[in-house]
Amino acid sequence: MLHLHILSWILAIILFFAAYQNFSDRQGPSQYFKPLHMVLRVFLLLTLISGGVVFFQTMGGGMAAQYGIKFLLGLITIGLMEMTLAKKKKKKPSRTFFYLVILFALLTIGMGIWLPMGPISAMFN
């Protein structure tokens, strides 16, 4: 399930950047914006489901609080992605939300790498 989770959030980040770039402030959305946004939502849902499964698998260990914080950071990241694209569609300034998405995505990924199921921790066990 962890591999599905990693694949889904990588594709979600790529699709978010693609959807964000396919909406011009002057001309509006390109023909690819709506399909990209819909596919992004599918991968965000897949990320939520697989992240929830990983979260509940790790609840028995001693790091449950850290996984809970990572889960909250992931929810914030997904919410900010949707809010950024919604502001972009309404032709309102969305640059601040865009930078917040990058910040929270990096925090979430960094915490996921640091936790025991992450790749760095797995190398040294």
C-alpha atoms as a PDB file:
ATOM      1  CA  MET A   1       0.000   0.000   0.000  1.00  0.00           C
ATOM      2  CA  LEU A   2       2.934   2.298   0.654  1.00  0.00           C
ATOM      3  CA  HIS A   3       4.064   2.093  -2.979  1.00  0.00           C
ATOM      4  CA  LEU A   4       0.564   3.015  -4.168  1.00  0.00           C
ATOM      5  CA  HIS A   5       0.577   5.975  -1.782  1.00  0.00           C
ATOM      6  CA  ILE A   6       3.945   7.241  -3.023  1.00  0.00           C
ATOM      7  CA  LEU A   7       2.953   6.833  -6.672  1.00  0.00           C
ATOM      8  CA  SER A   8      -0.363   8.601  -6.154  1.00  0.00           C
ATOM      9  CA  TRP A   9       1.089  11.683  -4.443  1.00  0.00           C
ATOM     10  CA  ILE A  10       3.890  11.978  -7.001  1.00  0.00           C
ATOM     11  CA  LEU A  11       1.329  11.931  -9.818  1.00  0.00           C
ATOM     12  CA  ALA A  12      -0.914  14.324  -7.877  1.00  0.00           C
ATOM     13  CA  ILE A  13       1.901  16.866  -7.567  1.00  0.00           C
ATOM     14  CA  ILE A  14       2.739  16.583 -11.273  1.00  0.00           C
ATOM     15  CA  LEU A  15      -0.928  16.959 -12.231  1.00  0.00           C
ATOM     16  CA  PHE A  16      -1.317  19.959  -9.904  1.00  0.00           C
ATOM     17  CA  PHE A  17       1.551  21.799 -11.596  1.00  0.00           C
ATOM     18  CA  ALA A  18       0.199  20.860 -15.035  1.00  0.00           C
ATOM     19  CA  ALA A  19      -3.310  22.091 -14.180  1.00  0.00           C
ATOM     20  CA  TYR A  20      -1.946  25.288 -12.646  1.00  0.00           C
ATOM     21  CA  GLN A  21       0.080  26.045 -15.771  1.00  0.00           C
ATOM     22  CA  ASN A  22      -2.861  25.320 -18.094  1.00  0.00           C
ATOM     23  CA  PHE A  23      -4.861  28.261 -16.787  1.00  0.00           C
ATOM     24  CA  SER A  24      -3.833  31.639 -18.127  1.00  0.00           C
ATOM     25  CA  ASP A  25      -4.656  34.756 -16.117  1.00  0.00           C
ATOM     26  CA  ARG A  26      -5.555  36.638 -19.293  1.00  0.00           C
ATOM     27  CA  GLN A  27      -7.096  34.000 -21.549  1.00  0.00           C
ATOM     28  CA  GLY A  28      -8.618  31.681 -18.983  1.00  0.00           C
ATOM     29  CA  PRO A  29      -8.396  27.885 -19.002  1.00  0.00           C
ATOM     30  CA  SER A  30      -6.890  25.912 -21.842  1.00  0.00           C
ATOM     31  CA  GLN A  31      -8.735  22.922 -23.244  1.00  0.00           C
ATOM     32  CA  TYR A  32      -6.662  20.647 -21.011  1.00  0.00           C
ATOM     33  CA  PHE A  33      -7.401  22.369 -17.685  1.00  0.00           C
ATOM     34  CA  LYS A  34     -10.682  20.643 -16.832  1.00  0.00           C
ATOM     35  CA  PRO A  35      -9.525  17.077 -17.650  1.00  0.00           C
ATOM     36  CA  LEU A  36      -6.292  17.672 -15.742  1.00  0.00           C
ATOM     37  CA  HIS A  37      -8.241  18.978 -12.755  1.00  0.00           C
ATOM     38  CA  MET A  38     -10.578  15.961 -12.785  1.00  0.00           C
ATOM     39  CA  VAL A  39      -7.697  13.459 -13.012  1.00  0.00           C
ATOM     40  CA  LEU A  40      -5.933  15.390 -10.235  1.00  0.00           C
ATOM     41  CA  ARG A  41      -8.986  14.951  -8.016  1.00  0.00           C
ATOM     42  CA  VAL A  42      -8.971  11.197  -8.676  1.00  0.00           C
ATOM     43  CA  PHE A  43      -5.325  10.954  -7.622  1.00  0.00           C
ATOM     44  CA  LEU A  44      -5.947  13.171  -4.582  1.00  0.00           C
ATOM     45  CA  LEU A  45      -8.710  10.794  -3.533  1.00  0.00           C
ATOM     46  CA  LEU A  46      -6.403   7.826  -4.108  1.00  0.00           C
ATOM     47  CA  THR A  47      -3.731   9.583  -2.043  1.00  0.00           C
ATOM     48  CA  LEU A  48      -6.202  10.144   0.797  1.00  0.00           C
ATOM     49  CA  ILE A  49      -7.390   6.540   0.802  1.00  0.00           C
ATOM     50  CA  SER A  50      -3.919   4.984   0.606  1.00  0.00           C
ATOM     51  CA  GLY A  51      -2.596   7.475   3.195  1.00  0.00           C
ATOM     52  CA  GLY A  52      -5.453   6.563   5.523  1.00  0.00           C
ATOM     53  CA  VAL A  53      -4.642   2.865   5.149  1.00  0.00           C
ATOM     54  CA  VAL A  54      -0.951   3.500   5.882  1.00  0.00           C
ATOM     55  CA  PHE A  55      -1.952   5.679   8.858  1.00  0.00           C
ATOM     56  CA  PHE A  56      -4.167   2.977  10.373  1.00  0.00           C
ATOM     57  CA  GLN A  57      -1.510   0.306   9.775  1.00  0.00           C
ATOM     58  CA  THR A  58       0.968   2.287  11.874  1.00  0.00           C
ATOM     59  CA  MET A  59      -1.382   3.109  14.749  1.00  0.00           C
ATOM     60  CA  GLY A  60      -0.045   0.226  16.854  1.00  0.00           C
ATOM     61  CA  GLY A  61       3.507   1.550  16.907  1.00  0.00           C
ATOM     62  CA  GLY A  62       5.054   4.193  19.104  1.00  0.00           C
ATOM     63  CA  MET A  63       5.115   6.823  16.354  1.00  0.00           C
ATOM     64  CA  ALA A  64       1.332   7.250  16.048  1.00  0.00           C
ATOM     65  CA  ALA A  65       1.445  10.975  16.891  1.00  0.00           C
ATOM     66  CA  GLN A  66       4.031  11.696  14.197  1.00  0.00           C
ATOM     67  CA  TYR A  67       1.981   9.795  11.616  1.00  0.00           C
ATOM     68  CA  GLY A  68      -1.063  11.785  12.727  1.00  0.00           C
ATOM     69  CA  ILE A  69       0.830  15.042  12.148  1.00  0.00           C
ATOM     70  CA  LYS A  70       1.903  13.806   8.715  1.00  0.00           C
ATOM     71  CA  PHE A  71      -1.714  12.910   7.926  1.00  0.00           C
ATOM     72  CA  LEU A  72      -2.819  16.433   8.897  1.00  0.00           C
ATOM     73  CA  LEU A  73      -0.046  17.990   6.799  1.00  0.00           C
ATOM     74  CA  GLY A  74      -1.211  15.864   3.866  1.00  0.00           C
ATOM     75  CA  LEU A  75      -4.809  17.017   4.327  1.00  0.00           C
ATOM     76  CA  ILE A  76      -3.668  20.641   4.448  1.00  0.00           C
ATOM     77  CA  THR A  77      -1.624  20.135   1.281  1.00  0.00           C
ATOM     78  CA  ILE A  78      -4.572  18.632  -0.579  1.00  0.00           C
ATOM     79  CA  GLY A  79      -6.881  21.394   0.621  1.00  0.00           C
ATOM     80  CA  LEU A  80      -4.418  24.064  -0.479  1.00  0.00           C
ATOM     81  CA  MET A  81      -4.115  22.436  -3.913  1.00  0.00           C
ATOM     82  CA  GLU A  82      -7.870  22.659  -4.404  1.00  0.00           C
ATOM     83  CA  MET A  83      -8.044  26.211  -3.050  1.00  0.00           C
ATOM     84  CA  THR A  84      -5.211  27.313  -5.345  1.00  0.00           C
ATOM     85  CA  LEU A  85      -6.939  25.977  -8.440  1.00  0.00           C
ATOM     86  CA  ALA A  86     -10.292  27.412  -7.326  1.00  0.00           C
ATOM     87  CA  LYS A  87      -8.751  30.869  -6.897  1.00  0.00           C
ATOM     88  CA  LYS A  88      -7.074  30.512 -10.278  1.00  0.00           C
ATOM     89  CA  LYS A  89     -10.442  29.649 -11.884  1.00  0.00           C
ATOM     90  CA  LYS A  90     -12.052  32.721 -10.309  1.00  0.00           C
ATOM     91  CA  LYS A  91      -9.171  34.834 -11.668  1.00  0.00           C
ATOM     92  CA  LYS A  92      -8.126  35.933  -8.191  1.00  0.00           C
ATOM     93  CA  PRO A  93      -4.513  36.132  -6.997  1.00  0.00           C
ATOM     94  CA  SER A  94      -3.370  32.599  -6.250  1.00  0.00           C
ATOM     95  CA  ARG A  95       0.409  32.951  -6.029  1.00  0.00           C
ATOM     96  CA  THR A  96       0.436  32.889  -2.192  1.00  0.00           C
ATOM     97  CA  PHE A  97      -1.559  29.665  -2.121  1.00  0.00           C
ATOM     98  CA  PHE A  98       0.767  28.214  -4.762  1.00  0.00           C
ATOM     99  CA  TYR A  99       3.781  28.864  -2.542  1.00  0.00           C
ATOM    100  CA  LEU A 100       1.936  27.427   0.462  1.00  0.00           C
ATOM    101  CA  VAL A 101       1.241  24.247  -1.521  1.00  0.00           C
ATOM    102  CA  ILE A 102       4.956  23.915  -2.241  1.00  0.00           C
ATOM    103  CA  LEU A 103       5.857  24.552   1.420  1.00  0.00           C
ATOM    104  CA  PHE A 104       3.341  22.087   2.858  1.00  0.00           C
ATOM    105  CA  ALA A 105       4.139  19.462   0.211  1.00  0.00           C
ATOM    106  CA  LEU A 106       7.832  19.661   1.126  1.00  0.00           C
ATOM    107  CA  LEU A 107       7.000  19.432   4.849  1.00  0.00           C
ATOM    108  CA  THR A 108       4.762  16.417   4.278  1.00  0.00           C
ATOM    109  CA  ILE A 109       7.281  14.646   2.040  1.00  0.00           C
ATOM    110  CA  GLY A 110      10.119  15.417   4.455  1.00  0.00           C
ATOM    111  CA  MET A 111       8.183  14.041   7.383  1.00  0.00           C
ATOM    112  CA  GLY A 112       7.238  10.944   5.379  1.00  0.00           C
ATOM    113  CA  ILE A 113      10.895  10.324   4.570  1.00  0.00           C
ATOM    114  CA  TRP A 114      11.904  10.774   8.217  1.00  0.00           C
ATOM    115  CA  LEU A 115       9.265   8.432   9.703  1.00  0.00           C
ATOM    116  CA  PRO A 116      10.052   4.719  10.240  1.00  0.00           C
ATOM    117  CA  MET A 117       8.264   3.545   7.072  1.00  0.00           C
ATOM    118  CA  GLY A 118      10.206   6.116   5.039  1.00  0.00           C
ATOM    119  CA  PRO A 119      13.116   5.209   2.773  1.00  0.00           C
ATOM    120  CA  ILE A 120      15.892   6.733   4.895  1.00  0.00           C
ATOM    121  CA  SER A 121      14.742   5.035   8.093  1.00  0.00           C
ATOM    122  CA  ALA A 122      14.320   1.734   6.251  1.00  0.00           C
ATOM    123  CA  MET A 123      17.922   1.894   4.996  1.00  0.00           C
ATOM    124  CA  PHE A 124      19.364   2.063   8.499  1.00  0.00           C
ATOM    125  CA  ASN A 125      17.183  -0.554  10.214  1.00  0.00           C
END
